[in-house]
Amino acid sequence: MDFLPSDESHIDPLRDLAEQVENYRRQAEHLGRLMNGRALLECPACGMHEDELADMTRIVATEEMPGKDTGLCFAAMDDEEATWWCPGCGQPFSPHGLP
């Protein structure tokens, strides 16, 4: 089937699908299941770290209890996400190991 330039009937289903995908992405991010491809964080001071479970849920765990969610969250200290605050020890750190 050829689509004529004035025939926009094929655009609406694609637009609807794109909106659904974006909605699912936002929901997953809200649930902690998707973080825009950001690398998992680990505090160099205390070892508290993020882990990703098989269902794509991101958790924060300790070295003593890996795989067990503490219910805590790392917090970005700037808009660029260059510095993070550790919920375990309160130390700021760079995810790339830079001061």
PDB file of N, CA and C in Angstrom:
ATOM      1  N   MET A   1       0.846  -1.177   0.000  1.00  0.00           N
ATOM      2  CA  MET A   1       0.000   0.000   0.000  1.00  0.00           C
ATOM      3  C   MET A   1       0.885   1.232   0.000  1.00  0.00           C
ATOM      4  N   ASP A   2       0.664   2.115  -0.930  1.00  0.00           N
ATOM      5  CA  ASP A   2       1.433   3.351  -1.012  1.00  0.00           C
ATOM      6  C   ASP A   2       0.732   4.433  -0.207  1.00  0.00           C
ATOM      7  N   PHE A   3       1.532   5.186   0.537  1.00  0.00           N
ATOM      8  CA  PHE A   3       0.991   6.298   1.289  1.00  0.00           C
ATOM      9  C   PHE A   3       1.253   7.582   0.528  1.00  0.00           C
ATOM     10  N   LEU A   4       0.234   8.324   0.331  1.00  0.00           N
ATOM     11  CA  LEU A   4       0.376   9.606  -0.326  1.00  0.00           C
ATOM     12  C   LEU A   4       0.830  10.632   0.707  1.00  0.00           C
ATOM     13  N   PRO A   5       1.557  11.655   0.282  1.00  0.00           N
ATOM     14  CA  PRO A   5       2.022  12.663   1.238  1.00  0.00           C
ATOM     15  C   PRO A   5       0.901  13.287   2.056  1.00  0.00           C
ATOM     16  N   SER A   6      -0.301  13.366   1.487  1.00  0.00           N
ATOM     17  CA  SER A   6      -1.404  13.975   2.224  1.00  0.00           C
ATOM     18  C   SER A   6      -2.117  12.971   3.142  1.00  0.00           C
ATOM     19  N   ASP A   7      -1.754  11.708   3.031  1.00  0.00           N
ATOM     20  CA  ASP A   7      -2.389  10.661   3.832  1.00  0.00           C
ATOM     21  C   ASP A   7      -1.658  10.523   5.165  1.00  0.00           C
ATOM     22  N   GLU A   8      -2.244  11.061   6.231  1.00  0.00           N
ATOM     23  CA  GLU A   8      -1.604  11.008   7.545  1.00  0.00           C
ATOM     24  C   GLU A   8      -2.158   9.883   8.411  1.00  0.00           C
ATOM     25  N   SER A   9      -2.942   8.991   7.858  1.00  0.00           N
ATOM     26  CA  SER A   9      -3.538   7.916   8.637  1.00  0.00           C
ATOM     27  C   SER A   9      -2.487   6.969   9.190  1.00  0.00           C
ATOM     28  N   HIS A  10      -1.334   6.862   8.513  1.00  0.00           N
ATOM     29  CA  HIS A  10      -0.271   5.981   8.987  1.00  0.00           C
ATOM     30  C   HIS A  10       0.560   6.620  10.094  1.00  0.00           C
ATOM     31  N   ILE A  11       0.460   7.906  10.290  1.00  0.00           N
ATOM     32  CA  ILE A  11       1.253   8.606  11.308  1.00  0.00           C
ATOM     33  C   ILE A  11       0.653   8.423  12.699  1.00  0.00           C
ATOM     34  N   ASP A  12      -0.637   8.487  12.814  1.00  0.00           N
ATOM     35  CA  ASP A  12      -1.286   8.408  14.121  1.00  0.00           C
ATOM     36  C   ASP A  12      -0.947   7.140  14.890  1.00  0.00           C
ATOM     37  N   PRO A  13      -0.984   5.947  14.269  1.00  0.00           N
ATOM     38  CA  PRO A  13      -0.624   4.747  15.033  1.00  0.00           C
ATOM     39  C   PRO A  13       0.821   4.794  15.531  1.00  0.00           C
ATOM     40  N   LEU A  14       1.729   5.320  14.725  1.00  0.00           N
ATOM     41  CA  LEU A  14       3.122   5.430  15.158  1.00  0.00           C
ATOM     42  C   LEU A  14       3.267   6.445  16.286  1.00  0.00           C
ATOM     43  N   ARG A  15       2.570   7.549  16.183  1.00  0.00           N
ATOM     44  CA  ARG A  15       2.604   8.564  17.235  1.00  0.00           C
ATOM     45  C   ARG A  15       2.026   7.987  18.531  1.00  0.00           C
ATOM     46  N   ASP A  16       0.915   7.261  18.408  1.00  0.00           N
ATOM     47  CA  ASP A  16       0.315   6.631  19.587  1.00  0.00           C
ATOM     48  C   ASP A  16       1.278   5.639  20.227  1.00  0.00           C
ATOM     49  N   LEU A  17       1.943   4.839  19.403  1.00  0.00           N
ATOM     50  CA  LEU A  17       2.908   3.868  19.921  1.00  0.00           C
ATOM     51  C   LEU A  17       4.073   4.570  20.610  1.00  0.00           C
ATOM     52  N   ALA A  18       4.586   5.635  20.017  1.00  0.00           N
ATOM     53  CA  ALA A  18       5.688   6.390  20.623  1.00  0.00           C
ATOM     54  C   ALA A  18       5.267   6.981  21.965  1.00  0.00           C
ATOM     55  N   GLU A  19       4.052   7.474  22.053  1.00  0.00           N
ATOM     56  CA  GLU A  19       3.557   8.020  23.319  1.00  0.00           C
ATOM     57  C   GLU A  19       3.421   6.928  24.377  1.00  0.00           C
ATOM     58  N   GLN A  20       2.983   5.736  23.966  1.00  0.00           N
ATOM     59  CA  GLN A  20       2.880   4.621  24.907  1.00  0.00           C
ATOM     60  C   GLN A  20       4.251   4.202  25.415  1.00  0.00           C
ATOM     61  N   VAL A  21       5.223   4.125  24.517  1.00  0.00           N
ATOM     62  CA  VAL A  21       6.586   3.755  24.920  1.00  0.00           C
ATOM     63  C   VAL A  21       7.132   4.776  25.905  1.00  0.00           C
ATOM     64  N   GLU A  22       6.951   6.045  25.621  1.00  0.00           N
ATOM     65  CA  GLU A  22       7.428   7.095  26.526  1.00  0.00           C
ATOM     66  C   GLU A  22       6.722   7.013  27.875  1.00  0.00           C
ATOM     67  N   ASN A  23       5.446   6.720  27.877  1.00  0.00           N
ATOM     68  CA  ASN A  23       4.700   6.569  29.121  1.00  0.00           C
ATOM     69  C   ASN A  23       5.243   5.402  29.941  1.00  0.00           C
ATOM     70  N   TYR A  24       5.510   4.271  29.284  1.00  0.00           N
ATOM     71  CA  TYR A  24       6.073   3.110  29.976  1.00  0.00           C
ATOM     72  C   TYR A  24       7.465   3.429  30.520  1.00  0.00           C
ATOM     73  N   ARG A  25       8.260   4.171  29.756  1.00  0.00           N
ATOM     74  CA  ARG A  25       9.598   4.544  30.204  1.00  0.00           C
ATOM     75  C   ARG A  25       9.522   5.400  31.467  1.00  0.00           C
ATOM     76  N   ARG A  26       8.608   6.374  31.478  1.00  0.00           N
ATOM     77  CA  ARG A  26       8.446   7.237  32.661  1.00  0.00           C
ATOM     78  C   ARG A  26       7.984   6.423  33.869  1.00  0.00           C
ATOM     79  N   GLN A  27       7.059   5.504  33.651  1.00  0.00           N
ATOM     80  CA  GLN A  27       6.579   4.667  34.749  1.00  0.00           C
ATOM     81  C   GLN A  27       7.711   3.793  35.300  1.00  0.00           C
ATOM     82  N   ALA A  28       8.485   3.193  34.419  1.00  0.00           N
ATOM     83  CA  ALA A  28       9.593   2.344  34.847  1.00  0.00           C
ATOM     84  C   ALA A  28      10.636   3.153  35.595  1.00  0.00           C
ATOM     85  N   GLU A  29      10.929   4.359  35.119  1.00  0.00           N
ATOM     86  CA  GLU A  29      11.889   5.216  35.805  1.00  0.00           C
ATOM     87  C   GLU A  29      11.372   5.578  37.192  1.00  0.00           C
ATOM     88  N   HIS A  30      10.092   5.885  37.292  1.00  0.00           N
ATOM     89  CA  HIS A  30       9.484   6.223  38.581  1.00  0.00           C
ATOM     90  C   HIS A  30       9.579   5.056  39.558  1.00  0.00           C
ATOM     91  N   LEU A  31       9.454   3.855  39.058  1.00  0.00           N
ATOM     92  CA  LEU A  31       9.526   2.669  39.907  1.00  0.00           C
ATOM     93  C   LEU A  31      10.960   2.235  40.192  1.00  0.00           C
ATOM     94  N   GLY A  32      11.929   2.959  39.653  1.00  0.00           N
ATOM     95  CA  GLY A  32      13.321   2.603  39.877  1.00  0.00           C
ATOM     96  C   GLY A  32      13.813   1.506  38.976  1.00  0.00           C
ATOM     97  N   ARG A  33      13.124   1.273  37.898  1.00  0.00           N
ATOM     98  CA  ARG A  33      13.507   0.176  37.009  1.00  0.00           C
ATOM     99  C   ARG A  33      14.302   0.647  35.802  1.00  0.00           C
ATOM    100  N   LEU A  34      14.444   1.932  35.651  1.00  0.00           N
ATOM    101  CA  LEU A  34      15.165   2.438  34.498  1.00  0.00           C
ATOM    102  C   LEU A  34      15.743   3.789  34.861  1.00  0.00           C
ATOM    103  N   MET A  35      17.015   3.974  34.605  1.00  0.00           N
ATOM    104  CA  MET A  35      17.658   5.225  34.979  1.00  0.00           C
ATOM    105  C   MET A  35      18.400   5.839  33.794  1.00  0.00           C
ATOM    106  N   ASN A  36      17.800   5.848  32.652  1.00  0.00           N
ATOM    107  CA  ASN A  36      18.376   6.473  31.469  1.00  0.00           C
ATOM    108  C   ASN A  36      19.756   5.943  31.125  1.00  0.00           C
ATOM    109  N   GLY A  37      20.000   4.685  31.399  1.00  0.00           N
ATOM    110  CA  GLY A  37      21.267   4.101  31.015  1.00  0.00           C
ATOM    111  C   GLY A  37      22.447   4.504  31.883  1.00  0.00           C
ATOM    112  N   ARG A  38      22.207   5.183  32.995  1.00  0.00           N
ATOM    113  CA  ARG A  38      23.282   5.607  33.887  1.00  0.00           C
ATOM    114  C   ARG A  38      23.946   4.386  34.499  1.00  0.00           C
ATOM    115  N   ALA A  39      25.253   4.467  34.672  1.00  0.00           N
ATOM    116  CA  ALA A  39      26.001   3.372  35.287  1.00  0.00           C
ATOM    117  C   ALA A  39      25.596   3.210  36.751  1.00  0.00           C
ATOM    118  N   LEU A  40      25.730   2.007  37.253  1.00  0.00           N
ATOM    119  CA  LEU A  40      25.435   1.749  38.661  1.00  0.00           C
ATOM    120  C   LEU A  40      26.459   2.480  39.528  1.00  0.00           C
ATOM    121  N   LEU A  41      25.990   3.026  40.643  1.00  0.00           N
ATOM    122  CA  LEU A  41      26.847   3.801  41.538  1.00  0.00           C
ATOM    123  C   LEU A  41      27.405   2.934  42.654  1.00  0.00           C
ATOM    124  N   GLU A  42      28.604   3.301  43.134  1.00  0.00           N
ATOM    125  CA  GLU A  42      29.197   2.661  44.306  1.00  0.00           C
ATOM    126  C   GLU A  42      29.993   3.712  45.061  1.00  0.00           C
ATOM    127  N   CYS A  43      29.729   3.828  46.346  1.00  0.00           N
ATOM    128  CA  CYS A  43      30.447   4.786  47.178  1.00  0.00           C
ATOM    129  C   CYS A  43      31.841   4.242  47.477  1.00  0.00           C
ATOM    130  N   PRO A  44      32.888   4.998  47.145  1.00  0.00           N
ATOM    131  CA  PRO A  44      34.242   4.528  47.421  1.00  0.00           C
ATOM    132  C   PRO A  44      34.588   4.547  48.908  1.00  0.00           C
ATOM    133  N   ALA A  45      33.834   5.310  49.699  1.00  0.00           N
ATOM    134  CA  ALA A  45      34.131   5.417  51.127  1.00  0.00           C
ATOM    135  C   ALA A  45      33.584   4.235  51.930  1.00  0.00           C
ATOM    136  N   CYS A  46      32.334   3.845  51.667  1.00  0.00           N
ATOM    137  CA  CYS A  46      31.730   2.796  52.504  1.00  0.00           C
ATOM    138  C   CYS A  46      31.332   1.539  51.738  1.00  0.00           C
ATOM    139  N   GLY A  47      31.358   1.587  50.408  1.00  0.00           N
ATOM    140  CA  GLY A  47      31.021   0.406  49.609  1.00  0.00           C
ATOM    141  C   GLY A  47      29.545   0.231  49.331  1.00  0.00           C
ATOM    142  N   MET A  48      28.690   1.129  49.844  1.00  0.00           N
ATOM    143  CA  MET A  48      27.267   1.036  49.507  1.00  0.00           C
ATOM    144  C   MET A  48      27.169   1.188  47.995  1.00  0.00           C
ATOM    145  N   HIS A  49      26.297   0.384  47.375  1.00  0.00           N
ATOM    146  CA  HIS A  49      26.254   0.380  45.926  1.00  0.00           C
ATOM    147  C   HIS A  49      24.862   0.088  45.395  1.00  0.00           C
ATOM    148  N   GLU A  50      24.673   0.482  44.141  1.00  0.00           N
ATOM    149  CA  GLU A  50      23.451   0.124  43.434  1.00  0.00           C
ATOM    150  C   GLU A  50      23.655  -1.244  42.804  1.00  0.00           C
ATOM    151  N   ASP A  51      22.565  -1.966  42.699  1.00  0.00           N
ATOM    152  CA  ASP A  51      22.584  -3.253  42.028  1.00  0.00           C
ATOM    153  C   ASP A  51      21.307  -3.330  41.211  1.00  0.00           C
ATOM    154  N   GLU A  52      21.344  -4.100  40.152  1.00  0.00           N
ATOM    155  CA  GLU A  52      20.163  -4.270  39.316  1.00  0.00           C
ATOM    156  C   GLU A  52      19.745  -5.729  39.375  1.00  0.00           C
ATOM    157  N   LEU A  53      18.502  -5.943  39.786  1.00  0.00           N
ATOM    158  CA  LEU A  53      17.975  -7.295  39.903  1.00  0.00           C
ATOM    159  C   LEU A  53      17.523  -7.814  38.544  1.00  0.00           C
ATOM    160  N   ALA A  54      17.189  -9.067  38.475  1.00  0.00           N
ATOM    161  CA  ALA A  54      16.789  -9.699  37.211  1.00  0.00           C
ATOM    162  C   ALA A  54      15.569  -9.029  36.592  1.00  0.00           C
ATOM    163  N   ASP A  55      14.681  -8.454  37.421  1.00  0.00           N
ATOM    164  CA  ASP A  55      13.491  -7.791  36.877  1.00  0.00           C
ATOM    165  C   ASP A  55      13.749  -6.329  36.533  1.00  0.00           C
ATOM    166  N   MET A  56      15.036  -5.931  36.505  1.00  0.00           N
ATOM    167  CA  MET A  56      15.494  -4.588  36.167  1.00  0.00           C
ATOM    168  C   MET A  56      15.226  -3.566  37.263  1.00  0.00           C
ATOM    169  N   THR A  57      14.834  -3.999  38.442  1.00  0.00           N
ATOM    170  CA  THR A  57      14.672  -3.091  39.564  1.00  0.00           C
ATOM    171  C   THR A  57      16.053  -2.723  40.080  1.00  0.00           C
ATOM    172  N   ARG A  58      16.271  -1.440  40.280  1.00  0.00           N
ATOM    173  CA  ARG A  58      17.536  -0.962  40.814  1.00  0.00           C
ATOM    174  C   ARG A  58      17.392  -0.808  42.315  1.00  0.00           C
ATOM    175  N   ILE A  59      18.331  -1.409  43.061  1.00  0.00           N
ATOM    176  CA  ILE A  59      18.311  -1.329  44.514  1.00  0.00           C
ATOM    177  C   ILE A  59      19.623  -0.732  45.005  1.00  0.00           C
ATOM    178  N   VAL A  60      19.641  -0.332  46.265  1.00  0.00           N
ATOM    179  CA  VAL A  60      20.866   0.113  46.924  1.00  0.00           C
ATOM    180  C   VAL A  60      21.156  -0.889  48.027  1.00  0.00           C
ATOM    181  N   ALA A  61      22.346  -1.484  47.971  1.00  0.00           N
ATOM    182  CA  ALA A  61      22.716  -2.542  48.911  1.00  0.00           C
ATOM    183  C   ALA A  61      24.049  -2.212  49.568  1.00  0.00           C
ATOM    184  N   THR A  62      24.373  -2.945  50.614  1.00  0.00           N
ATOM    185  CA  THR A  62      25.648  -2.790  51.304  1.00  0.00           C
ATOM    186  C   THR A  62      26.561  -3.964  50.956  1.00  0.00           C
ATOM    187  N   GLU A  63      27.844  -3.808  51.272  1.00  0.00           N
ATOM    188  CA  GLU A  63      28.788  -4.909  51.040  1.00  0.00           C
ATOM    189  C   GLU A  63      28.429  -6.108  51.911  1.00  0.00           C
ATOM    190  N   GLU A  64      27.914  -5.838  53.109  1.00  0.00           N
ATOM    191  CA  GLU A  64      27.578  -6.915  54.041  1.00  0.00           C
ATOM    192  C   GLU A  64      26.353  -7.708  53.607  1.00  0.00           C
ATOM    193  N   MET A  65      25.440  -7.048  52.893  1.00  0.00           N
ATOM    194  CA  MET A  65      24.203  -7.709  52.464  1.00  0.00           C
ATOM    195  C   MET A  65      23.925  -7.428  50.988  1.00  0.00           C
ATOM    196  N   PRO A  66      24.780  -7.940  50.099  1.00  0.00           N
ATOM    197  CA  PRO A  66      24.559  -7.699  48.669  1.00  0.00           C
ATOM    198  C   PRO A  66      23.242  -8.316  48.206  1.00  0.00           C
ATOM    199  N   GLY A  67      22.570  -7.617  47.308  1.00  0.00           N
ATOM    200  CA  GLY A  67      21.300  -8.121  46.785  1.00  0.00           C
ATOM    201  C   GLY A  67      20.103  -7.813  47.653  1.00  0.00           C
ATOM    202  N   LYS A  68      20.321  -7.252  48.857  1.00  0.00           N
ATOM    203  CA  LYS A  68      19.217  -6.898  49.757  1.00  0.00           C
ATOM    204  C   LYS A  68      19.054  -5.381  49.749  1.00  0.00           C
ATOM    205  N   ASP A  69      17.890  -4.910  49.345  1.00  0.00           N
ATOM    206  CA  ASP A  69      17.632  -3.479  49.225  1.00  0.00           C
ATOM    207  C   ASP A  69      17.573  -2.815  50.595  1.00  0.00           C
ATOM    208  N   THR A  70      18.313  -1.730  50.737  1.00  0.00           N
ATOM    209  CA  THR A  70      18.282  -0.960  51.990  1.00  0.00           C
ATOM    210  C   THR A  70      17.109   0.005  52.020  1.00  0.00           C
ATOM    211  N   GLY A  71      16.537   0.277  50.861  1.00  0.00           N
ATOM    212  CA  GLY A  71      15.471   1.262  50.770  1.00  0.00           C
ATOM    213  C   GLY A  71      16.004   2.680  50.640  1.00  0.00           C
ATOM    214  N   LEU A  72      17.320   2.840  50.643  1.00  0.00           N
ATOM    215  CA  LEU A  72      17.947   4.147  50.508  1.00  0.00           C
ATOM    216  C   LEU A  72      18.218   4.444  49.038  1.00  0.00           C
ATOM    217  N   CYS A  73      18.514   5.710  48.754  1.00  0.00           N
ATOM    218  CA  CYS A  73      18.805   6.124  47.384  1.00  0.00           C
ATOM    219  C   CYS A  73      19.981   7.082  47.368  1.00  0.00           C
ATOM    220  N   PHE A  74      20.857   6.927  46.385  1.00  0.00           N
ATOM    221  CA  PHE A  74      21.891   7.919  46.135  1.00  0.00           C
ATOM    222  C   PHE A  74      21.206   9.172  45.595  1.00  0.00           C
ATOM    223  N   ALA A  75      21.766  10.343  45.880  1.00  0.00           N
ATOM    224  CA  ALA A  75      21.173  11.594  45.414  1.00  0.00           C
ATOM    225  C   ALA A  75      22.208  12.391  44.634  1.00  0.00           C
ATOM    226  N   ALA A  76      21.825  12.822  43.440  1.00  0.00           N
ATOM    227  CA  ALA A  76      22.702  13.678  42.643  1.00  0.00           C
ATOM    228  C   ALA A  76      22.796  15.035  43.330  1.00  0.00           C
ATOM    229  N   MET A  77      24.013  15.558  43.407  1.00  0.00           N
ATOM    230  CA  MET A  77      24.233  16.845  44.066  1.00  0.00           C
ATOM    231  C   MET A  77      24.277  17.993  43.064  1.00  0.00           C
ATOM    232  N   ASP A  78      24.201  17.679  41.763  1.00  0.00           N
ATOM    233  CA  ASP A  78      24.202  18.707  40.731  1.00  0.00           C
ATOM    234  C   ASP A  78      23.422  18.208  39.524  1.00  0.00           C
ATOM    235  N   ASP A  79      23.067  19.122  38.656  1.00  0.00           N
ATOM    236  CA  ASP A  79      22.269  18.770  37.474  1.00  0.00           C
ATOM    237  C   ASP A  79      23.018  17.880  36.493  1.00  0.00           C
ATOM    238  N   GLU A  80      24.332  17.961  36.485  1.00  0.00           N
ATOM    239  CA  GLU A  80      25.130  17.160  35.558  1.00  0.00           C
ATOM    240  C   GLU A  80      25.369  15.741  36.070  1.00  0.00           C
ATOM    241  N   GLU A  81      24.953  15.456  37.288  1.00  0.00           N
ATOM    242  CA  GLU A  81      25.173  14.160  37.935  1.00  0.00           C
ATOM    243  C   GLU A  81      26.659  13.812  37.988  1.00  0.00           C
ATOM    244  N   ALA A  82      27.489  14.831  38.225  1.00  0.00           N
ATOM    245  CA  ALA A  82      28.928  14.639  38.336  1.00  0.00           C
ATOM    246  C   ALA A  82      29.316  14.278  39.764  1.00  0.00           C
ATOM    247  N   THR A  83      28.494  14.682  40.719  1.00  0.00           N
ATOM    248  CA  THR A  83      28.757  14.391  42.129  1.00  0.00           C
ATOM    249  C   THR A  83      27.497  13.821  42.756  1.00  0.00           C
ATOM    250  N   TRP A  84      27.680  12.762  43.525  1.00  0.00           N
ATOM    251  CA  TRP A  84      26.571  12.075  44.179  1.00  0.00           C
ATOM    252  C   TRP A  84      26.788  12.053  45.676  1.00  0.00           C
ATOM    253  N   TRP A  85      25.695  11.966  46.430  1.00  0.00           N
ATOM    254  CA  TRP A  85      25.727  11.878  47.881  1.00  0.00           C
ATOM    255  C   TRP A  85      25.363  10.451  48.277  1.00  0.00           C
ATOM    256  N   CYS A  86      26.188   9.862  49.131  1.00  0.00           N
ATOM    257  CA  CYS A  86      25.938   8.496  49.580  1.00  0.00           C
ATOM    258  C   CYS A  86      24.972   8.509  50.755  1.00  0.00           C
ATOM    259  N   PRO A  87      23.896   7.728  50.676  1.00  0.00           N
ATOM    260  CA  PRO A  87      22.932   7.690  51.772  1.00  0.00           C
ATOM    261  C   PRO A  87      23.435   6.896  52.977  1.00  0.00           C
ATOM    262  N   GLY A  88      24.511   6.134  52.799  1.00  0.00           N
ATOM    263  CA  GLY A  88      25.037   5.320  53.892  1.00  0.00           C
ATOM    264  C   GLY A  88      25.974   6.091  54.805  1.00  0.00           C
ATOM    265  N   CYS A  89      26.957   6.788  54.200  1.00  0.00           N
ATOM    266  CA  CYS A  89      27.957   7.486  55.007  1.00  0.00           C
ATOM    267  C   CYS A  89      27.898   8.993  54.860  1.00  0.00           C
ATOM    268  N   GLY A  90      27.097   9.483  53.917  1.00  0.00           N
ATOM    269  CA  GLY A  90      26.943  10.924  53.741  1.00  0.00           C
ATOM    270  C   GLY A  90      28.062  11.594  52.963  1.00  0.00           C
ATOM    271  N   GLN A  91      28.960  10.811  52.395  1.00  0.00           N
ATOM    272  CA  GLN A  91      30.082  11.378  51.662  1.00  0.00           C
ATOM    273  C   GLN A  91      29.705  11.669  50.207  1.00  0.00           C
ATOM    274  N   PRO A  92      30.146  12.824  49.688  1.00  0.00           N
ATOM    275  CA  PRO A  92      29.981  13.060  48.254  1.00  0.00           C
ATOM    276  C   PRO A  92      31.056  12.311  47.482  1.00  0.00           C
ATOM    277  N   PHE A  93      30.741  11.891  46.271  1.00  0.00           N
ATOM    278  CA  PHE A  93      31.723  11.192  45.442  1.00  0.00           C
ATOM    279  C   PHE A  93      31.381  11.366  43.979  1.00  0.00           C
ATOM    280  N   SER A  94      32.365  11.142  43.136  1.00  0.00           N
ATOM    281  CA  SER A  94      32.172  11.169  41.700  1.00  0.00           C
ATOM    282  C   SER A  94      32.050   9.729  41.225  1.00  0.00           C
ATOM    283  N   PRO A  95      31.096   9.426  40.354  1.00  0.00           N
ATOM    284  CA  PRO A  95      30.950   8.057  39.885  1.00  0.00           C
ATOM    285  C   PRO A  95      32.143   7.586  39.060  1.00  0.00           C
ATOM    286  N   HIS A  96      32.975   8.518  38.632  1.00  0.00           N
ATOM    287  CA  HIS A  96      34.130   8.163  37.819  1.00  0.00           C
ATOM    288  C   HIS A  96      35.397   8.096  38.659  1.00  0.00           C
ATOM    289  N   GLY A  97      35.256   8.219  39.980  1.00  0.00           N
ATOM    290  CA  GLY A  97      36.416   8.138  40.870  1.00  0.00           C
ATOM    291  C   GLY A  97      37.240   9.404  40.912  1.00  0.00           C
ATOM    292  N   LEU A  98      36.712  10.489  40.360  1.00  0.00           N
ATOM    293  CA  LEU A  98      37.434  11.754  40.389  1.00  0.00           C
ATOM    294  C   LEU A  98      37.099  12.508  41.657  1.00  0.00           C
ATOM    295  N   PRO A  99      38.015  13.304  42.165  1.00  0.00           N
ATOM    296  CA  PRO A  99      37.732  14.068  43.392  1.00  0.00           C
ATOM    297  C   PRO A  99      36.662  15.103  43.182  1.00  0.00           C
TER     298      PRO A  99
END
